[in-house]
Amino acid sequence: MSETRLSRAELATRFADRDWITGYLPAVNRAVSARVFEGGLGAGFDVDDFGEGPYVIVVDGDLATDSDLVLDTRDNSMFVVTGSLRARNLVFDRGTLVVVERDCVAHFVIGSHGDDNAGLVVGGNLRARGVFLDGYTGIEVAGAIEAPVDARGFCLPDDFAGIDPRDAFVAEVLRNGTPDIGALRAHVLAGRDPYAAGRSPTG
C-alpha cells in the first residue's frame, strides 16, 4: 500500500473524467488536500488512520476488508473507491459522502444525517443483507440494489411495507415498534444480527 498526497488541483487533473470531481468534491473545504491510496486497500489498514476529517480520500483500486468500514466525520468529507468495495458493514454518517465506482458489498449498509452531507453513490451493484437510511439520507445506485431497503423517503424501494418489524427484527433494534438507525448501527457493529431468527424482512 502506497499513499500519494495531492493538492485539489492535482486531484482534479488526475481524475478529470470522473463525475465526482465536479459533482461532489466542491462540497468539501477547498483547503483540504487529497490522500490517494495507490492500488487499493486490503487487510491491514485501519480506518481510524483516516482521522476525524475533514478529508478527501481516494482508494485508487479495490477496497476489501473483513472489518467494519465506519466513515463518520463532523465536517464535509469525501471517500472514493475507484474499484469495488467489500466490508463487513458499511456505515456513513454526518459529513461523509461515499463514492464507489464499481460494486459495493457489505453485510449491512447504514447511513444517516444526509442533511449534513452523508450519502452513498454506487456506480455498479449494491449487495447487502439490509440497507437502512434515516429520513434525511439517500443513495444513488447505477446498477441493481440486491438488498432489502428501509429508506424512509427519497423514492427508494420500501421493502418493509406490510411487514410488522416486531416479527422481522430483534427487540434491541426497535424503538416504538420501528427499526432505529442508532440502535441498528450499534447492534451490527457489535457483530450481532438485527433480524429475528437470522432472517431478512423480505423472508
N, C-alpha and C. Protein backbone atom coordinates (compact mmCIF):
# COMPACT_ATOMS: atom_id res chain seq x y z
N MET A 1 0.84 -1.20 0.00
CA MET A 1 0.00 0.00 0.00
C MET A 1 0.87 1.24 0.00
N SER A 2 0.68 2.09 -0.97
CA SER A 2 1.42 3.35 -1.01
C SER A 2 0.42 4.50 -1.04
N GLU A 3 0.85 5.62 -0.50
CA GLU A 3 -0.03 6.78 -0.40
C GLU A 3 0.59 7.97 -1.09
N THR A 4 -0.23 8.69 -1.85
CA THR A 4 0.20 9.90 -2.52
C THR A 4 -0.64 11.06 -2.04
N ARG A 5 0.01 12.15 -1.71
CA ARG A 5 -0.70 13.37 -1.31
C ARG A 5 -0.82 14.29 -2.53
N LEU A 6 -2.03 14.74 -2.80
CA LEU A 6 -2.27 15.59 -3.95
C LEU A 6 -3.00 16.86 -3.53
N SER A 7 -2.65 17.96 -4.16
CA SER A 7 -3.44 19.17 -3.98
C SER A 7 -4.78 18.96 -4.69
N ARG A 8 -5.72 19.84 -4.41
CA ARG A 8 -7.02 19.72 -5.06
C ARG A 8 -6.88 19.87 -6.58
N ALA A 9 -6.00 20.77 -7.01
CA ALA A 9 -5.80 20.96 -8.45
C ALA A 9 -5.20 19.70 -9.07
N GLU A 10 -4.23 19.09 -8.39
CA GLU A 10 -3.62 17.85 -8.91
C GLU A 10 -4.64 16.72 -8.96
N LEU A 11 -5.49 16.64 -7.93
CA LEU A 11 -6.53 15.61 -7.92
C LEU A 11 -7.50 15.81 -9.09
N ALA A 12 -7.89 17.06 -9.32
CA ALA A 12 -8.82 17.35 -10.41
C ALA A 12 -8.22 17.02 -11.76
N THR A 13 -6.93 17.20 -11.90
CA THR A 13 -6.25 16.88 -13.16
C THR A 13 -6.17 15.37 -13.36
N ARG A 14 -5.80 14.66 -12.31
CA ARG A 14 -5.64 13.20 -12.42
C ARG A 14 -6.96 12.49 -12.68
N PHE A 15 -8.01 12.96 -12.04
CA PHE A 15 -9.31 12.29 -12.18
C PHE A 15 -10.31 13.19 -12.91
N ALA A 16 -9.84 13.89 -13.91
CA ALA A 16 -10.66 14.89 -14.60
C ALA A 16 -11.91 14.31 -15.24
N ASP A 17 -11.89 13.02 -15.59
CA ASP A 17 -13.03 12.43 -16.28
C ASP A 17 -14.09 11.89 -15.32
N ARG A 18 -13.89 12.04 -14.01
CA ARG A 18 -14.82 11.48 -13.04
C ARG A 18 -15.90 12.49 -12.68
N ASP A 19 -17.13 12.02 -12.61
CA ASP A 19 -18.26 12.90 -12.28
C ASP A 19 -18.13 13.49 -10.87
N TRP A 20 -17.51 12.73 -9.95
CA TRP A 20 -17.46 13.21 -8.56
C TRP A 20 -16.53 14.40 -8.40
N ILE A 21 -15.64 14.62 -9.36
CA ILE A 21 -14.76 15.79 -9.28
C ILE A 21 -15.58 17.07 -9.33
N THR A 22 -16.52 17.15 -10.25
CA THR A 22 -17.34 18.36 -10.39
C THR A 22 -18.63 18.28 -9.60
N GLY A 23 -19.13 17.05 -9.38
CA GLY A 23 -20.44 16.92 -8.75
C GLY A 23 -20.44 16.94 -7.24
N TYR A 24 -19.38 16.40 -6.61
CA TYR A 24 -19.39 16.24 -5.16
C TYR A 24 -18.20 16.89 -4.44
N LEU A 25 -17.05 16.91 -5.10
CA LEU A 25 -15.86 17.45 -4.44
C LEU A 25 -16.00 18.90 -3.98
N PRO A 26 -16.72 19.76 -4.72
CA PRO A 26 -16.83 21.16 -4.26
C PRO A 26 -17.46 21.33 -2.88
N ALA A 27 -18.17 20.32 -2.38
CA ALA A 27 -18.79 20.43 -1.07
C ALA A 27 -17.78 20.35 0.06
N VAL A 28 -16.56 19.89 -0.25
CA VAL A 28 -15.51 19.76 0.77
C VAL A 28 -14.66 21.03 0.75
N ASN A 29 -14.31 21.50 1.92
CA ASN A 29 -13.49 22.71 2.05
C ASN A 29 -12.28 22.66 1.12
N ARG A 30 -12.07 23.74 0.36
CA ARG A 30 -11.00 23.77 -0.64
C ARG A 30 -9.61 23.67 -0.03
N ALA A 31 -9.52 23.95 1.25
CA ALA A 31 -8.21 23.88 1.91
C ALA A 31 -7.78 22.43 2.18
N VAL A 32 -8.70 21.49 2.02
CA VAL A 32 -8.41 20.09 2.32
C VAL A 32 -7.75 19.44 1.10
N SER A 33 -6.54 18.93 1.28
CA SER A 33 -5.86 18.23 0.20
C SER A 33 -6.35 16.79 0.15
N ALA A 34 -5.84 16.03 -0.82
CA ALA A 34 -6.32 14.67 -1.01
C ALA A 34 -5.24 13.65 -0.68
N ARG A 35 -5.69 12.52 -0.14
CA ARG A 35 -4.82 11.37 0.09
C ARG A 35 -5.27 10.28 -0.86
N VAL A 36 -4.37 9.81 -1.72
CA VAL A 36 -4.70 8.78 -2.69
C VAL A 36 -3.93 7.51 -2.33
N PHE A 37 -4.66 6.42 -2.11
CA PHE A 37 -4.05 5.14 -1.79
C PHE A 37 -3.96 4.35 -3.09
N GLU A 38 -2.73 4.20 -3.57
CA GLU A 38 -2.49 3.62 -4.88
C GLU A 38 -2.68 2.11 -4.85
N GLY A 39 -3.40 1.60 -5.84
CA GLY A 39 -3.55 0.16 -5.98
C GLY A 39 -4.57 -0.49 -5.08
N GLY A 40 -5.32 0.31 -4.34
CA GLY A 40 -6.37 -0.24 -3.49
C GLY A 40 -5.91 -0.47 -2.06
N LEU A 41 -6.84 -0.96 -1.25
CA LEU A 41 -6.58 -1.26 0.15
C LEU A 41 -7.12 -2.64 0.47
N GLY A 42 -6.35 -3.42 1.22
CA GLY A 42 -6.79 -4.74 1.65
C GLY A 42 -6.68 -4.87 3.15
N ALA A 43 -6.56 -6.11 3.60
CA ALA A 43 -6.46 -6.36 5.04
C ALA A 43 -5.23 -5.66 5.59
N GLY A 44 -5.39 -5.11 6.80
CA GLY A 44 -4.26 -4.49 7.46
C GLY A 44 -4.38 -2.99 7.62
N PHE A 45 -5.26 -2.35 6.84
CA PHE A 45 -5.41 -0.91 7.05
C PHE A 45 -6.39 -0.67 8.19
N ASP A 46 -6.25 0.46 8.84
CA ASP A 46 -7.10 0.82 9.97
C ASP A 46 -7.86 2.08 9.60
N VAL A 47 -9.18 2.00 9.59
CA VAL A 47 -9.99 3.16 9.20
C VAL A 47 -9.73 4.35 10.11
N ASP A 48 -9.31 4.09 11.34
CA ASP A 48 -9.02 5.19 12.26
C ASP A 48 -7.84 6.03 11.79
N ASP A 49 -7.00 5.46 10.93
CA ASP A 49 -5.86 6.21 10.40
C ASP A 49 -6.30 7.35 9.49
N PHE A 50 -7.53 7.30 9.02
CA PHE A 50 -8.02 8.37 8.16
C PHE A 50 -8.28 9.65 8.94
N GLY A 51 -8.40 9.54 10.26
CA GLY A 51 -8.62 10.71 11.09
C GLY A 51 -10.08 11.11 11.16
N GLU A 52 -10.32 12.20 11.86
CA GLU A 52 -11.68 12.66 12.10
C GLU A 52 -12.21 13.56 10.99
N GLY A 53 -11.37 13.89 10.01
CA GLY A 53 -11.79 14.75 8.92
C GLY A 53 -11.71 16.21 9.31
N PRO A 54 -11.99 17.10 8.37
CA PRO A 54 -12.46 16.75 7.02
C PRO A 54 -11.33 16.16 6.19
N TYR A 55 -11.72 15.29 5.22
CA TYR A 55 -10.72 14.68 4.36
C TYR A 55 -11.30 14.42 2.97
N VAL A 56 -10.38 14.25 2.04
CA VAL A 56 -10.69 13.70 0.72
C VAL A 56 -9.77 12.50 0.56
N ILE A 57 -10.36 11.32 0.55
CA ILE A 57 -9.58 10.09 0.44
C ILE A 57 -10.03 9.35 -0.82
N VAL A 58 -9.07 8.98 -1.63
CA VAL A 58 -9.35 8.22 -2.84
C VAL A 58 -8.58 6.91 -2.78
N VAL A 59 -9.29 5.80 -2.79
CA VAL A 59 -8.68 4.48 -2.89
C VAL A 59 -8.69 4.14 -4.37
N ASP A 60 -7.53 4.23 -5.02
CA ASP A 60 -7.46 4.02 -6.46
C ASP A 60 -7.28 2.54 -6.74
N GLY A 61 -8.41 1.83 -6.71
CA GLY A 61 -8.43 0.38 -6.85
C GLY A 61 -9.56 -0.16 -6.00
N ASP A 62 -9.47 -1.43 -5.62
CA ASP A 62 -10.50 -2.05 -4.79
C ASP A 62 -10.18 -1.84 -3.31
N LEU A 63 -11.22 -1.86 -2.50
CA LEU A 63 -11.08 -1.88 -1.04
C LEU A 63 -11.77 -3.14 -0.55
N ALA A 64 -11.02 -4.01 0.12
CA ALA A 64 -11.57 -5.26 0.63
C ALA A 64 -11.11 -5.46 2.06
N THR A 65 -12.06 -5.62 2.96
CA THR A 65 -11.73 -5.83 4.37
C THR A 65 -12.81 -6.68 5.02
N ASP A 66 -12.41 -7.49 5.98
CA ASP A 66 -13.37 -8.26 6.76
C ASP A 66 -13.85 -7.49 7.98
N SER A 67 -13.38 -6.26 8.13
CA SER A 67 -13.76 -5.41 9.25
C SER A 67 -14.87 -4.44 8.83
N ASP A 68 -15.36 -3.69 9.80
CA ASP A 68 -16.36 -2.67 9.53
C ASP A 68 -15.68 -1.44 8.94
N LEU A 69 -16.38 -0.76 8.05
CA LEU A 69 -15.90 0.50 7.49
C LEU A 69 -16.85 1.58 7.97
N VAL A 70 -16.41 2.35 8.96
CA VAL A 70 -17.23 3.40 9.56
C VAL A 70 -16.65 4.74 9.15
N LEU A 71 -17.39 5.49 8.36
CA LEU A 71 -16.95 6.78 7.82
C LEU A 71 -17.88 7.84 8.37
N ASP A 72 -17.41 8.55 9.38
CA ASP A 72 -18.26 9.45 10.14
C ASP A 72 -17.45 10.68 10.52
N THR A 73 -17.64 11.78 9.79
CA THR A 73 -16.89 13.00 10.05
C THR A 73 -17.85 14.14 10.36
N ARG A 74 -17.40 15.05 11.19
CA ARG A 74 -18.24 16.19 11.56
C ARG A 74 -18.36 17.17 10.39
N ASP A 75 -17.25 17.40 9.68
CA ASP A 75 -17.24 18.33 8.56
C ASP A 75 -17.31 17.58 7.24
N ASN A 76 -17.74 18.27 6.19
CA ASN A 76 -17.89 17.63 4.89
C ASN A 76 -16.60 16.96 4.43
N SER A 77 -16.72 15.68 4.07
CA SER A 77 -15.60 14.87 3.62
C SER A 77 -16.07 13.98 2.48
N MET A 78 -15.10 13.42 1.75
CA MET A 78 -15.44 12.52 0.66
C MET A 78 -14.51 11.33 0.67
N PHE A 79 -15.09 10.15 0.50
CA PHE A 79 -14.34 8.90 0.48
C PHE A 79 -14.69 8.19 -0.81
N VAL A 80 -13.69 8.01 -1.68
CA VAL A 80 -13.92 7.46 -3.01
C VAL A 80 -13.16 6.16 -3.18
N VAL A 81 -13.83 5.16 -3.76
CA VAL A 81 -13.18 3.91 -4.16
C VAL A 81 -13.38 3.78 -5.66
N THR A 82 -12.28 3.78 -6.42
CA THR A 82 -12.42 3.73 -7.88
C THR A 82 -12.72 2.33 -8.39
N GLY A 83 -12.56 1.33 -7.54
CA GLY A 83 -12.91 -0.04 -7.90
C GLY A 83 -14.16 -0.47 -7.14
N SER A 84 -14.12 -1.69 -6.59
CA SER A 84 -15.22 -2.23 -5.79
C SER A 84 -14.88 -2.15 -4.31
N LEU A 85 -15.92 -2.11 -3.50
CA LEU A 85 -15.76 -2.06 -2.04
C LEU A 85 -16.42 -3.28 -1.44
N ARG A 86 -15.70 -3.95 -0.54
CA ARG A 86 -16.27 -5.05 0.23
C ARG A 86 -15.85 -4.88 1.68
N ALA A 87 -16.83 -4.86 2.57
CA ALA A 87 -16.57 -4.71 4.00
C ALA A 87 -17.59 -5.52 4.78
N ARG A 88 -17.29 -5.75 6.06
CA ARG A 88 -18.28 -6.45 6.88
C ARG A 88 -19.55 -5.63 6.96
N ASN A 89 -19.45 -4.41 7.43
CA ASN A 89 -20.55 -3.46 7.43
C ASN A 89 -20.03 -2.11 6.94
N LEU A 90 -20.88 -1.36 6.27
CA LEU A 90 -20.53 -0.01 5.82
C LEU A 90 -21.46 0.97 6.51
N VAL A 91 -20.87 1.91 7.25
CA VAL A 91 -21.62 2.96 7.93
C VAL A 91 -21.10 4.30 7.46
N PHE A 92 -21.99 5.16 6.99
CA PHE A 92 -21.60 6.53 6.63
C PHE A 92 -22.54 7.49 7.32
N ASP A 93 -21.97 8.56 7.89
CA ASP A 93 -22.75 9.42 8.76
C ASP A 93 -22.25 10.85 8.69
N ARG A 94 -23.12 11.78 9.04
CA ARG A 94 -22.83 13.21 9.18
C ARG A 94 -22.19 13.79 7.92
N GLY A 95 -20.88 14.07 7.94
CA GLY A 95 -20.28 14.81 6.84
C GLY A 95 -19.73 13.99 5.70
N THR A 96 -19.80 12.65 5.77
CA THR A 96 -19.06 11.82 4.83
C THR A 96 -19.91 11.34 3.66
N LEU A 97 -19.50 11.73 2.45
CA LEU A 97 -20.09 11.20 1.23
C LEU A 97 -19.18 10.09 0.71
N VAL A 98 -19.76 8.94 0.38
CA VAL A 98 -19.00 7.78 -0.09
C VAL A 98 -19.34 7.54 -1.56
N VAL A 99 -18.32 7.42 -2.38
CA VAL A 99 -18.49 7.13 -3.80
C VAL A 99 -17.76 5.83 -4.11
N VAL A 100 -18.47 4.85 -4.65
CA VAL A 100 -17.88 3.58 -5.08
C VAL A 100 -18.16 3.44 -6.57
N GLU A 101 -17.11 3.42 -7.38
CA GLU A 101 -17.33 3.44 -8.82
C GLU A 101 -17.80 2.11 -9.38
N ARG A 102 -17.51 1.01 -8.70
CA ARG A 102 -17.98 -0.29 -9.17
C ARG A 102 -18.96 -0.87 -8.14
N ASP A 103 -18.83 -2.12 -7.75
CA ASP A 103 -19.80 -2.75 -6.86
C ASP A 103 -19.48 -2.47 -5.40
N CYS A 104 -20.54 -2.47 -4.58
CA CYS A 104 -20.42 -2.28 -3.14
C CYS A 104 -21.10 -3.45 -2.45
N VAL A 105 -20.35 -4.17 -1.61
CA VAL A 105 -20.86 -5.37 -0.95
C VAL A 105 -20.57 -5.28 0.54
N ALA A 106 -21.59 -5.46 1.36
CA ALA A 106 -21.44 -5.46 2.81
C ALA A 106 -22.56 -6.27 3.43
N HIS A 107 -22.37 -6.70 4.67
CA HIS A 107 -23.48 -7.36 5.36
C HIS A 107 -24.63 -6.38 5.51
N PHE A 108 -24.32 -5.20 6.09
CA PHE A 108 -25.33 -4.17 6.28
C PHE A 108 -24.75 -2.82 5.90
N VAL A 109 -25.61 -1.96 5.35
CA VAL A 109 -25.25 -0.60 4.99
C VAL A 109 -26.16 0.34 5.78
N ILE A 110 -25.58 1.25 6.53
CA ILE A 110 -26.36 2.15 7.38
C ILE A 110 -25.89 3.58 7.16
N GLY A 111 -26.82 4.47 6.83
CA GLY A 111 -26.48 5.86 6.59
C GLY A 111 -27.42 6.80 7.31
N SER A 112 -26.88 7.91 7.78
CA SER A 112 -27.72 8.89 8.47
C SER A 112 -27.12 10.29 8.37
N HIS A 113 -27.95 11.28 8.66
CA HIS A 113 -27.57 12.69 8.64
C HIS A 113 -27.16 13.16 7.24
N GLY A 114 -27.93 12.75 6.25
CA GLY A 114 -27.68 13.20 4.90
C GLY A 114 -27.86 14.70 4.73
N ASP A 115 -28.59 15.32 5.65
CA ASP A 115 -28.74 16.78 5.59
C ASP A 115 -27.42 17.48 5.89
N ASP A 116 -26.46 16.76 6.47
CA ASP A 116 -25.13 17.32 6.72
C ASP A 116 -24.19 17.11 5.54
N ASN A 117 -24.38 16.05 4.76
CA ASN A 117 -23.59 15.73 3.56
C ASN A 117 -23.54 14.24 3.31
N ALA A 118 -23.84 13.42 4.30
CA ALA A 118 -23.69 11.98 4.17
C ALA A 118 -24.51 11.44 3.00
N GLY A 119 -23.92 10.48 2.29
CA GLY A 119 -24.61 9.84 1.19
C GLY A 119 -23.74 8.73 0.62
N LEU A 120 -24.34 7.94 -0.26
CA LEU A 120 -23.63 6.83 -0.90
C LEU A 120 -23.99 6.82 -2.38
N VAL A 121 -22.96 6.82 -3.23
CA VAL A 121 -23.13 6.77 -4.68
C VAL A 121 -22.38 5.53 -5.17
N VAL A 122 -23.09 4.64 -5.84
CA VAL A 122 -22.50 3.38 -6.31
C VAL A 122 -22.65 3.29 -7.82
N GLY A 123 -21.54 3.08 -8.51
CA GLY A 123 -21.58 3.00 -9.96
C GLY A 123 -21.98 1.65 -10.50
N GLY A 124 -21.88 0.61 -9.66
CA GLY A 124 -22.25 -0.74 -10.06
C GLY A 124 -23.45 -1.21 -9.27
N ASN A 125 -23.37 -2.44 -8.73
CA ASN A 125 -24.44 -3.02 -7.94
C ASN A 125 -24.17 -2.83 -6.45
N LEU A 126 -25.25 -2.77 -5.68
CA LEU A 126 -25.17 -2.72 -4.21
C LEU A 126 -25.78 -3.99 -3.67
N ARG A 127 -24.99 -4.76 -2.94
CA ARG A 127 -25.47 -6.03 -2.40
C ARG A 127 -25.25 -6.07 -0.89
N ALA A 128 -26.31 -6.35 -0.14
CA ALA A 128 -26.22 -6.39 1.33
C ALA A 128 -27.40 -7.17 1.87
N ARG A 129 -27.33 -7.52 3.15
CA ARG A 129 -28.47 -8.16 3.81
C ARG A 129 -29.50 -7.14 4.26
N GLY A 130 -29.11 -5.87 4.23
CA GLY A 130 -30.05 -4.81 4.59
C GLY A 130 -29.41 -3.45 4.39
N VAL A 131 -30.22 -2.49 3.93
CA VAL A 131 -29.79 -1.10 3.79
C VAL A 131 -30.74 -0.25 4.60
N PHE A 132 -30.21 0.48 5.57
CA PHE A 132 -31.03 1.27 6.48
C PHE A 132 -30.59 2.73 6.43
N LEU A 133 -31.52 3.62 6.10
CA LEU A 133 -31.23 5.04 5.97
C LEU A 133 -32.26 5.84 6.75
N ASP A 134 -31.81 6.94 7.35
CA ASP A 134 -32.78 7.79 8.03
C ASP A 134 -33.51 8.66 6.99
N GLY A 135 -34.42 9.48 7.44
CA GLY A 135 -35.25 10.25 6.54
C GLY A 135 -34.55 11.39 5.83
N TYR A 136 -33.28 11.61 6.15
CA TYR A 136 -32.51 12.70 5.54
C TYR A 136 -31.45 12.21 4.57
N THR A 137 -31.34 10.90 4.40
CA THR A 137 -30.19 10.33 3.70
C THR A 137 -30.61 9.49 2.51
N GLY A 138 -29.98 9.73 1.37
CA GLY A 138 -30.29 8.98 0.17
C GLY A 138 -29.09 8.24 -0.37
N ILE A 139 -29.34 7.35 -1.30
CA ILE A 139 -28.27 6.67 -2.02
C ILE A 139 -28.60 6.70 -3.50
N GLU A 140 -27.55 6.65 -4.32
CA GLU A 140 -27.70 6.54 -5.76
C GLU A 140 -26.97 5.29 -6.21
N VAL A 141 -27.66 4.40 -6.89
CA VAL A 141 -27.07 3.14 -7.35
C VAL A 141 -27.36 2.99 -8.84
N ALA A 142 -26.31 2.94 -9.64
CA ALA A 142 -26.50 2.83 -11.09
C ALA A 142 -26.94 1.45 -11.50
N GLY A 143 -26.50 0.43 -10.77
CA GLY A 143 -26.86 -0.94 -11.09
C GLY A 143 -28.05 -1.41 -10.27
N ALA A 144 -28.00 -2.66 -9.86
CA ALA A 144 -29.10 -3.26 -9.09
C ALA A 144 -28.86 -3.10 -7.60
N ILE A 145 -29.96 -2.91 -6.86
CA ILE A 145 -29.90 -2.94 -5.40
C ILE A 145 -30.35 -4.32 -4.96
N GLU A 146 -29.41 -5.13 -4.58
CA GLU A 146 -29.68 -6.51 -4.18
C GLU A 146 -29.71 -6.57 -2.65
N ALA A 147 -30.74 -5.95 -2.09
CA ALA A 147 -30.85 -5.85 -0.64
C ALA A 147 -32.24 -5.34 -0.29
N PRO A 148 -32.79 -5.76 0.84
CA PRO A 148 -33.99 -5.11 1.35
C PRO A 148 -33.63 -3.72 1.86
N VAL A 149 -34.44 -2.73 1.54
CA VAL A 149 -34.12 -1.34 1.83
C VAL A 149 -35.19 -0.71 2.71
N ASP A 150 -34.75 -0.03 3.76
CA ASP A 150 -35.62 0.85 4.55
C ASP A 150 -35.05 2.24 4.41
N ALA A 151 -35.59 3.01 3.45
CA ALA A 151 -35.02 4.31 3.13
C ALA A 151 -35.77 5.47 3.74
N ARG A 152 -37.03 5.27 4.11
CA ARG A 152 -37.84 6.32 4.74
C ARG A 152 -37.93 7.57 3.88
N GLY A 153 -37.90 7.39 2.58
CA GLY A 153 -38.02 8.52 1.67
C GLY A 153 -37.12 8.37 0.46
N PHE A 154 -36.92 9.45 -0.27
CA PHE A 154 -36.02 9.53 -1.40
C PHE A 154 -36.39 8.58 -2.54
N CYS A 155 -37.66 8.19 -2.64
CA CYS A 155 -38.17 7.42 -3.77
C CYS A 155 -37.44 6.09 -3.96
N LEU A 156 -36.86 5.55 -2.89
CA LEU A 156 -36.23 4.24 -2.96
C LEU A 156 -37.25 3.18 -2.58
N PRO A 157 -36.99 1.93 -2.94
CA PRO A 157 -37.97 0.88 -2.63
C PRO A 157 -38.19 0.72 -1.13
N ASP A 158 -39.43 0.50 -0.76
CA ASP A 158 -39.78 0.27 0.65
C ASP A 158 -40.07 -1.20 0.82
N ASP A 159 -39.04 -1.96 1.15
CA ASP A 159 -39.20 -3.40 1.29
C ASP A 159 -39.77 -3.79 2.64
N PHE A 160 -40.07 -2.79 3.47
CA PHE A 160 -40.62 -3.06 4.79
C PHE A 160 -42.14 -2.89 4.81
N ALA A 161 -42.72 -2.43 3.71
CA ALA A 161 -44.16 -2.17 3.66
C ALA A 161 -44.92 -3.46 3.92
N GLY A 162 -45.88 -3.38 4.81
CA GLY A 162 -46.73 -4.53 5.10
C GLY A 162 -46.11 -5.56 6.02
N ILE A 163 -44.93 -5.29 6.53
CA ILE A 163 -44.25 -6.24 7.42
C ILE A 163 -44.20 -5.64 8.82
N ASP A 164 -44.59 -6.42 9.80
CA ASP A 164 -44.51 -5.98 11.19
C ASP A 164 -43.06 -6.11 11.64
N PRO A 165 -42.39 -4.98 11.93
CA PRO A 165 -40.98 -5.07 12.34
C PRO A 165 -40.75 -5.96 13.55
N ARG A 166 -41.75 -6.09 14.39
CA ARG A 166 -41.58 -6.92 15.58
C ARG A 166 -41.45 -8.40 15.22
N ASP A 167 -41.91 -8.76 14.01
CA ASP A 167 -41.75 -10.14 13.56
C ASP A 167 -40.42 -10.36 12.84
N ALA A 168 -39.83 -9.27 12.32
CA ALA A 168 -38.63 -9.40 11.49
C ALA A 168 -37.34 -9.06 12.22
N PHE A 169 -37.43 -8.21 13.28
CA PHE A 169 -36.23 -7.71 13.94
C PHE A 169 -36.19 -8.12 15.40
N VAL A 170 -34.98 -8.17 15.94
CA VAL A 170 -34.85 -8.39 17.37
C VAL A 170 -35.26 -7.12 18.11
N ALA A 171 -35.72 -7.27 19.33
CA ALA A 171 -36.27 -6.14 20.08
C ALA A 171 -35.24 -5.05 20.33
N GLU A 172 -33.96 -5.41 20.41
CA GLU A 172 -32.92 -4.43 20.75
C GLU A 172 -32.77 -3.32 19.71
N VAL A 173 -33.20 -3.53 18.48
CA VAL A 173 -33.02 -2.51 17.45
C VAL A 173 -34.30 -1.73 17.17
N LEU A 174 -35.34 -1.98 17.96
CA LEU A 174 -36.62 -1.30 17.76
C LEU A 174 -36.83 -0.20 18.77
N ARG A 175 -37.39 0.91 18.30
CA ARG A 175 -37.82 2.00 19.17
C ARG A 175 -39.24 2.35 18.75
N ASN A 176 -40.16 2.24 19.68
CA ASN A 176 -41.58 2.48 19.38
C ASN A 176 -42.07 1.61 18.23
N GLY A 177 -41.55 0.39 18.17
CA GLY A 177 -42.04 -0.58 17.20
C GLY A 177 -41.43 -0.50 15.82
N THR A 178 -40.45 0.41 15.60
CA THR A 178 -39.82 0.52 14.30
C THR A 178 -38.31 0.45 14.45
N PRO A 179 -37.59 0.02 13.40
CA PRO A 179 -36.13 -0.03 13.47
C PRO A 179 -35.53 1.36 13.69
N ASP A 180 -34.59 1.46 14.60
CA ASP A 180 -33.95 2.72 14.93
C ASP A 180 -32.52 2.72 14.38
N ILE A 181 -32.15 3.78 13.64
CA ILE A 181 -30.85 3.82 12.98
C ILE A 181 -29.71 3.68 13.99
N GLY A 182 -29.78 4.41 15.09
CA GLY A 182 -28.70 4.35 16.08
C GLY A 182 -28.58 2.97 16.70
N ALA A 183 -29.71 2.37 17.01
CA ALA A 183 -29.70 1.03 17.61
C ALA A 183 -29.22 -0.02 16.61
N LEU A 184 -29.63 0.13 15.35
CA LEU A 184 -29.16 -0.79 14.31
C LEU A 184 -27.64 -0.70 14.14
N ARG A 185 -27.16 0.53 14.12
CA ARG A 185 -25.71 0.74 13.96
C ARG A 185 -24.94 0.06 15.08
N ALA A 186 -25.33 0.32 16.31
CA ALA A 186 -24.63 -0.27 17.45
C ALA A 186 -24.71 -1.80 17.41
N HIS A 187 -25.85 -2.32 17.01
CA HIS A 187 -26.08 -3.76 17.01
C HIS A 187 -25.19 -4.46 15.98
N VAL A 188 -25.18 -3.96 14.74
CA VAL A 188 -24.41 -4.66 13.70
C VAL A 188 -22.91 -4.45 13.90
N LEU A 189 -22.49 -3.29 14.43
CA LEU A 189 -21.07 -3.08 14.67
C LEU A 189 -20.55 -3.94 15.82
N ALA A 190 -21.47 -4.41 16.65
CA ALA A 190 -21.10 -5.35 17.70
C ALA A 190 -21.08 -6.79 17.18
N GLY A 191 -21.37 -6.94 15.88
CA GLY A 191 -21.33 -8.27 15.27
C GLY A 191 -22.58 -9.08 15.46
N ARG A 192 -23.68 -8.41 15.83
CA ARG A 192 -24.92 -9.12 16.08
C ARG A 192 -25.89 -8.96 14.91
N ASP A 193 -26.73 -9.96 14.72
CA ASP A 193 -27.70 -9.96 13.62
C ASP A 193 -28.95 -9.22 14.07
N PRO A 194 -29.40 -8.19 13.34
CA PRO A 194 -30.60 -7.46 13.75
C PRO A 194 -31.90 -8.17 13.41
N TYR A 195 -31.83 -9.20 12.59
CA TYR A 195 -33.04 -9.89 12.16
C TYR A 195 -33.40 -11.02 13.12
N ALA A 196 -34.65 -11.13 13.40
CA ALA A 196 -35.14 -12.22 14.24
C ALA A 196 -34.89 -13.53 13.54
N ALA A 197 -34.36 -14.49 14.26
CA ALA A 197 -34.09 -15.83 13.74
C ALA A 197 -33.21 -15.79 12.49
N GLY A 198 -32.44 -14.71 12.36
CA GLY A 198 -31.49 -14.62 11.26
C GLY A 198 -32.12 -14.43 9.89
N ARG A 199 -33.36 -13.97 9.82
CA ARG A 199 -34.00 -13.83 8.52
C ARG A 199 -34.19 -12.35 8.17
N SER A 200 -34.29 -12.09 6.88
CA SER A 200 -34.47 -10.71 6.43
C SER A 200 -35.94 -10.34 6.45
N PRO A 201 -36.26 -9.07 6.41
CA PRO A 201 -37.68 -8.65 6.45
C PRO A 201 -38.45 -9.06 5.22
N THR A 202 -37.78 -9.49 4.17
CA THR A 202 -38.50 -9.96 3.00
C THR A 202 -38.61 -11.49 2.99
N GLY A 203 -38.25 -12.08 4.12
CA GLY A 203 -38.41 -13.51 4.25
C GLY A 203 -37.12 -14.27 4.16
